[in-house]
Protein backbone atom coordinates (compact mmCIF):
# COMPACT_ATOMS: atom_id res chain seq x y z
CA MET A 1 107.93 54.18 113.48
CA LEU A 2 104.28 53.53 115.50
CA SER A 3 105.81 55.13 118.62
CA ARG A 4 106.38 58.65 116.46
CA LEU A 5 102.66 58.20 115.20
CA GLN A 6 101.14 57.17 118.63
CA GLU A 7 102.82 60.47 119.91
CA LEU A 8 101.49 62.85 117.14
CA ARG A 9 97.77 61.20 118.02
CA LYS A 10 98.44 62.36 121.21
CA GLU A 11 100.08 65.29 120.76
CA GLU A 12 96.73 66.29 118.45
CA GLU A 13 94.36 65.36 121.00
CA THR A 14 96.39 67.79 123.22
CA LEU A 15 96.29 70.57 120.87
CA LEU A 16 92.09 70.07 119.76
CA ARG A 17 91.63 70.13 124.27
CA VAL A 18 93.75 73.08 123.71
CA LYS A 19 91.85 75.19 120.59
CA ALA A 20 88.25 73.97 122.41
CA ALA A 21 89.27 75.68 125.55
CA LEU A 22 90.28 78.52 123.76
CA HIS A 23 87.16 78.60 121.41
CA ASP A 24 85.09 78.59 125.12
CA GLN A 25 87.36 81.23 126.59
CA LEU A 26 86.77 83.50 123.54
CA ASN A 27 82.97 83.12 123.92
CA ARG A 28 83.11 83.79 127.37
CA LEU A 29 84.99 87.06 126.39
CA LYS A 30 82.92 87.97 123.93
CA VAL A 31 80.00 87.79 125.73
CA ARG A 32 81.64 89.96 128.83
CA ARG A 33 81.88 92.75 126.17
CA LEU A 34 78.77 92.34 125.36
CA ILE A 35 77.47 92.46 128.67
CA ASN A 36 80.08 95.42 129.32
CA GLN A 37 78.60 97.55 126.53
CA ALA A 38 74.82 96.67 127.35
CA PRO A 39 73.00 99.58 129.09
CA ALA A 40 72.93 100.18 132.50
CA PRO A 41 70.90 97.39 134.79
CA LEU A 42 67.35 98.89 134.96
CA PRO A 43 66.28 99.80 139.08
CA HIS A 44 64.56 97.10 140.78
CA GLY A 45 61.02 95.92 139.89
CA THR A 46 61.38 98.12 136.11
CA ARG A 47 60.77 95.43 133.36
CA MET A 48 62.12 95.89 129.91
CA ASP A 49 60.04 96.42 127.08
CA ASN A 50 62.51 97.62 124.70
CA GLU A 51 62.55 95.69 121.88
CA ALA A 52 64.98 97.87 119.77
CA ALA A 53 67.54 97.03 122.55
CA ILE A 54 66.35 93.40 122.75
CA ASN A 55 66.63 93.32 118.96
CA GLN A 56 70.48 95.22 118.76
CA THR A 57 71.72 92.77 121.83
CA LYS A 58 69.97 89.67 119.73
CA LEU A 59 72.29 91.30 116.92
CA GLN A 60 75.76 91.82 118.10
CA LEU A 61 75.25 88.38 119.52
CA GLN A 62 74.39 86.79 116.14
CA MET A 63 77.08 88.64 114.47
CA CYS A 64 80.08 87.42 116.76
CA VAL A 65 79.14 83.93 116.59
CA SER A 66 78.88 84.16 112.75
CA GLU A 67 82.53 86.01 112.84
CA GLU A 68 83.61 83.17 114.52
CA GLU A 69 82.31 80.46 112.44
CA GLU A 70 83.69 82.39 109.49
CA GLU A 71 86.79 82.40 111.56
CA GLU A 72 86.81 78.57 112.58
CA GLU A 73 86.11 78.09 108.34
CA GLU A 74 88.99 80.08 107.61
CA GLU A 75 91.26 77.65 109.81
CA GLU A 76 90.00 74.54 108.56
CA SER A 77 90.28 75.39 104.90
CA ASP A 78 93.86 76.79 106.18
CA SER A 79 94.89 72.78 107.52
């Protein structure tokens, strides 16, 4: 019985590490998607003062984080 409990704890730790790795990968993919959706790079020496574009990017990042937090809350409530 004790060895089974130890096995389950090790399995839980492994699953938590996998979950964290998948979480990190998902974040990288979301950032990559946002970068791909961003406007073309500015020519060398050009400053980006377009506050609307900056605010839009911030909003998109906040939305991704909010969606992710909601998903995590749903997963936690399911278990």
